Amino acid sequence: MPKDKLRRFAEYASFANTFDFAYDMKGRWKLDYFKNDNPLVLELGCGKGEYTVALAKQNPYKNFIGIDLKSNRMWKGAGIALEENLTNVAFMRAIIDKITEFFSADEVDEIWITFPDPYPKDRHEKHRLTSPKFLERYKEILKNDGIVHFKTDDDGLFQYTVEILKELKINPIEIIWDVHGNDDSPAYLREIKTYYEKLFMQKGRTVKYLRFKN
């Protein structure tokens, strides 16, 4: 394993704002870590944590947790959060499939799913973060009026998600088929761009957005 990756692993583990499979924090995030009662927001599959950090800066009265399986990716966002003294953001290494083991019922106010792997083959549907299996897990931890935000450049995954919501009789609050080509898109959607989002835009791919109550 490259030395630089090993260094990032070690530094991530030493950071005060990082967790590895924090089963013991279930139901206690606000009390034990954030030490306030502000809304709790998760970003699933957060990668380098760019979006998590940007959202935390824009919303100082909300608590954010970026979740990914690879700590050497989250190392970047966690480091930036510490450097900028952002006390409303944390990162956790975890398997999203087991999200209900880390958060209690009604503990989470919002979930962001940003540019997840589309898993285009039908046999991999169960791995899509907007599949019925995952939506059911989110429902277990979200408050009754909890919101799910979904952002992707993948036409197939977006259309699939729209159809799944229809099947589940979930009416989207907002659907935007071209975030950056629509002047009416909320500023927070247009202003925050991840590395991959910028890359997709350079390739001429449109960024799409869904917001719904699960």
Protein backbone atom coordinates (compact mmCIF):
# COMPACT_ATOMS: atom_id res chain seq x y z
CA MET A 1 0.00 0.00 0.00
CA PRO A 2 1.44 3.44 -0.91
CA LYS A 3 2.93 5.35 2.00
CA ASP A 4 0.77 8.41 1.32
CA LYS A 5 -2.42 6.36 1.67
CA LEU A 6 -1.16 4.86 4.93
CA ARG A 7 -0.42 8.36 6.19
CA ARG A 8 -3.96 9.49 5.37
CA PHE A 9 -5.41 6.44 7.16
CA ALA A 10 -3.40 7.27 10.28
CA GLU A 11 -4.22 10.98 10.21
CA TYR A 12 -7.92 10.32 9.67
CA ALA A 13 -7.95 8.04 12.72
CA SER A 14 -6.28 10.76 14.81
CA PHE A 15 -8.69 13.54 13.87
CA ALA A 16 -11.13 14.67 16.55
CA ASN A 17 -14.03 14.84 14.08
CA THR A 18 -13.85 11.31 12.65
CA PHE A 19 -15.42 7.97 13.59
CA ASP A 20 -15.11 4.37 12.42
CA PHE A 21 -18.31 2.30 12.54
CA ALA A 22 -19.60 4.26 15.55
CA TYR A 23 -22.29 1.87 16.79
CA ASP A 24 -22.06 3.36 20.27
CA MET A 25 -23.10 6.80 18.97
CA LYS A 26 -26.55 5.60 17.88
CA GLY A 27 -29.12 8.01 19.29
CA ARG A 28 -26.40 10.12 20.93
CA TRP A 29 -24.86 12.20 18.11
CA LYS A 30 -26.39 15.51 19.17
CA LEU A 31 -25.84 14.97 22.89
CA ASP A 32 -22.36 13.43 22.91
CA TYR A 33 -20.63 14.92 19.87
CA PHE A 34 -22.34 18.09 18.64
CA LYS A 35 -23.61 19.02 22.12
CA ASN A 36 -26.65 20.85 20.79
CA ASP A 37 -30.13 20.05 19.52
CA ASN A 38 -29.69 21.39 15.99
CA PRO A 39 -31.03 19.40 12.99
CA LEU A 40 -28.88 16.43 11.97
CA VAL A 41 -28.01 16.03 8.29
CA LEU A 42 -26.22 13.07 6.65
CA GLU A 43 -24.38 12.95 3.34
CA LEU A 44 -24.20 9.35 2.14
CA GLY A 45 -21.25 8.30 -0.02
CA CYS A 46 -19.58 11.64 0.72
CA GLY A 47 -16.24 10.80 -0.94
CA LYS A 48 -13.73 13.53 -0.11
CA GLY A 49 -16.30 15.39 1.93
CA GLU A 50 -16.45 18.51 -0.24
CA TYR A 51 -20.23 18.71 -0.16
CA THR A 52 -20.46 17.95 3.55
CA VAL A 53 -18.02 20.75 4.39
CA ALA A 54 -19.69 23.23 2.01
CA LEU A 55 -23.13 22.52 3.45
CA ALA A 56 -21.78 22.91 6.99
CA LYS A 57 -20.37 26.33 6.09
CA GLN A 58 -23.66 27.44 4.58
CA ASN A 59 -25.74 26.11 7.49
CA PRO A 60 -23.95 26.79 10.80
CA TYR A 61 -27.09 25.90 12.78
CA LYS A 62 -27.29 22.37 11.42
CA ASN A 63 -25.08 19.38 12.25
CA PHE A 64 -23.56 17.39 9.36
CA ILE A 65 -22.08 13.90 9.15
CA GLY A 66 -20.38 12.72 5.96
CA ILE A 67 -20.43 8.94 5.56
CA ASP A 68 -18.28 6.80 3.28
CA LEU A 69 -16.48 3.46 3.44
CA LYS A 70 -13.05 4.85 2.50
CA SER A 71 -11.41 6.94 5.18
CA ASN A 72 -8.51 7.95 2.93
CA ARG A 73 -11.08 9.90 0.88
CA MET A 74 -12.80 11.55 3.85
CA TRP A 75 -9.39 12.52 5.22
CA LYS A 76 -9.48 15.61 3.00
CA GLY A 77 -12.85 16.95 4.14
CA ALA A 78 -12.18 16.11 7.78
CA GLY A 79 -8.86 17.95 7.63
CA ILE A 80 -10.43 21.04 6.06
CA ALA A 81 -13.18 21.07 8.69
CA LEU A 82 -10.57 21.04 11.46
CA GLU A 83 -8.44 23.72 9.81
CA GLU A 84 -11.48 25.97 9.45
CA ASN A 85 -12.76 25.18 12.95
CA LEU A 86 -16.10 23.87 11.73
CA THR A 87 -17.63 22.37 14.84
CA ASN A 88 -20.87 21.34 13.11
CA VAL A 89 -19.36 18.64 10.90
CA ALA A 90 -18.08 15.09 11.44
CA PHE A 91 -17.21 12.11 9.27
CA MET A 92 -17.84 8.41 9.80
CA ARG A 93 -16.48 5.37 8.05
CA ALA A 94 -19.39 2.96 7.64
CA ILE A 95 -21.33 0.73 5.27
CA ILE A 96 -24.44 2.62 4.18
CA ASP A 97 -26.39 -0.61 3.94
CA LYS A 98 -26.18 -0.75 7.75
CA ILE A 99 -27.19 2.88 8.34
CA THR A 100 -29.89 1.92 10.86
CA GLU A 101 -27.20 0.52 13.15
CA PHE A 102 -25.64 3.96 13.59
CA PHE A 103 -28.73 6.19 13.95
CA SER A 104 -31.94 5.81 15.94
CA ALA A 105 -35.52 6.31 14.79
CA ASP A 106 -36.32 10.02 14.29
CA GLU A 107 -32.68 11.01 14.89
CA VAL A 108 -32.00 12.36 11.39
CA ASP A 109 -33.61 15.45 9.82
CA GLU A 110 -32.18 15.34 6.29
CA ILE A 111 -30.21 13.05 4.00
CA TRP A 112 -28.14 14.10 0.99
CA ILE A 113 -27.24 11.58 -1.72
CA THR A 114 -24.80 13.21 -4.12
CA PHE A 115 -23.55 11.57 -7.32
CA PRO A 116 -23.72 7.94 -6.16
CA ASP A 117 -22.61 4.99 -8.26
CA PRO A 118 -25.54 4.44 -10.68
CA TYR A 119 -25.15 0.64 -10.81
CA PRO A 120 -26.70 0.57 -14.31
CA LYS A 121 -27.11 -3.22 -14.61
CA ASP A 122 -30.52 -4.52 -13.48
CA ARG A 123 -28.98 -7.24 -11.35
CA HIS A 124 -27.24 -4.55 -9.26
CA GLU A 125 -30.41 -2.59 -8.50
CA LYS A 126 -30.25 -3.49 -4.81
CA HIS A 127 -27.00 -1.50 -4.52
CA ARG A 128 -28.52 1.78 -5.78
CA LEU A 129 -28.82 4.27 -2.93
CA THR A 130 -32.32 5.22 -4.12
CA SER A 131 -33.64 1.66 -4.38
CA PRO A 132 -36.66 0.65 -2.26
CA LYS A 133 -34.37 -1.24 0.11
CA PHE A 134 -32.37 1.87 0.94
CA LEU A 135 -35.39 4.16 1.02
CA GLU A 136 -36.90 1.88 3.66
CA ARG A 137 -33.73 2.17 5.76
CA TYR A 138 -33.77 5.97 5.50
CA LYS A 139 -37.40 6.00 6.60
CA GLU A 140 -36.39 4.19 9.80
CA ILE A 141 -33.98 6.92 10.90
CA LEU A 142 -35.62 10.07 9.46
CA LYS A 143 -38.13 12.17 11.35
CA ASN A 144 -41.69 12.12 10.03
CA ASP A 145 -41.10 15.29 8.02
CA GLY A 146 -37.49 14.34 7.15
CA ILE A 147 -36.17 15.31 3.73
CA VAL A 148 -34.06 13.39 1.20
CA HIS A 149 -32.02 15.36 -1.35
CA PHE A 150 -30.75 13.51 -4.41
CA LYS A 151 -28.30 14.92 -6.96
CA THR A 152 -26.89 13.03 -9.97
CA ASP A 153 -25.64 13.44 -13.53
CA ASP A 154 -26.84 9.96 -14.51
CA ASP A 155 -30.03 10.06 -16.61
CA GLY A 156 -30.83 6.39 -16.03
CA LEU A 157 -30.50 6.55 -12.25
CA PHE A 158 -32.52 9.75 -12.06
CA GLN A 159 -35.35 8.33 -14.17
CA TYR A 160 -35.24 5.12 -12.13
CA THR A 161 -35.56 7.12 -8.90
CA VAL A 162 -38.50 9.13 -10.23
CA GLU A 163 -40.26 5.88 -11.15
CA ILE A 164 -39.50 4.25 -7.79
CA LEU A 165 -40.99 7.22 -5.94
CA LYS A 166 -44.08 6.96 -8.12
CA GLU A 167 -44.42 3.25 -7.32
CA LEU A 168 -44.08 3.97 -3.61
CA LYS A 169 -46.63 6.81 -3.89
CA ILE A 170 -44.07 9.37 -2.75
CA ASN A 171 -44.72 12.76 -4.34
CA PRO A 172 -41.48 14.72 -4.88
CA ILE A 173 -41.40 18.21 -3.41
CA GLU A 174 -39.12 19.37 -6.21
CA ILE A 175 -37.73 17.94 -9.45
CA ILE A 176 -35.08 19.82 -11.43
CA TRP A 177 -33.88 18.19 -14.65
CA ASP A 178 -31.03 20.64 -15.27
CA VAL A 179 -29.74 22.36 -12.13
CA HIS A 180 -27.11 24.56 -13.78
CA GLY A 181 -29.17 25.32 -16.87
CA ASN A 182 -32.10 26.60 -14.82
CA ASP A 183 -31.82 30.11 -13.39
CA ASP A 184 -34.64 29.30 -10.98
CA SER A 185 -32.61 26.53 -9.31
CA PRO A 186 -31.86 27.31 -5.65
CA ALA A 187 -28.49 29.00 -5.20
CA TYR A 188 -27.27 26.34 -2.78
CA LEU A 189 -27.65 23.73 -5.55
CA ARG A 190 -25.75 25.77 -8.13
CA GLU A 191 -23.02 27.18 -5.92
CA ILE A 192 -21.79 23.97 -4.30
CA LYS A 193 -20.00 21.81 -6.88
CA THR A 194 -17.92 18.73 -6.11
CA TYR A 195 -14.88 17.77 -8.15
CA TYR A 196 -16.94 15.21 -10.04
CA GLU A 197 -19.81 17.62 -10.59
CA LYS A 198 -17.45 20.06 -12.29
CA LEU A 199 -16.02 17.21 -14.33
CA PHE A 200 -19.47 16.07 -15.46
CA MET A 201 -20.41 19.61 -16.43
CA GLN A 202 -17.26 19.96 -18.53
CA LYS A 203 -18.35 16.85 -20.40
CA GLY A 204 -21.73 18.43 -21.11
CA ARG A 205 -23.73 16.25 -18.75
CA THR A 206 -26.67 17.84 -16.95
CA VAL A 207 -26.98 17.69 -13.18
CA LYS A 208 -30.40 16.68 -11.90
CA TYR A 209 -31.97 17.09 -8.47
CA LEU A 210 -34.84 15.57 -6.49
CA ARG A 211 -36.18 16.53 -3.08
CA PHE A 212 -38.78 14.45 -1.31
CA LYS A 213 -40.16 13.40 2.03
CA ASN A 214 -39.54 9.69 2.48
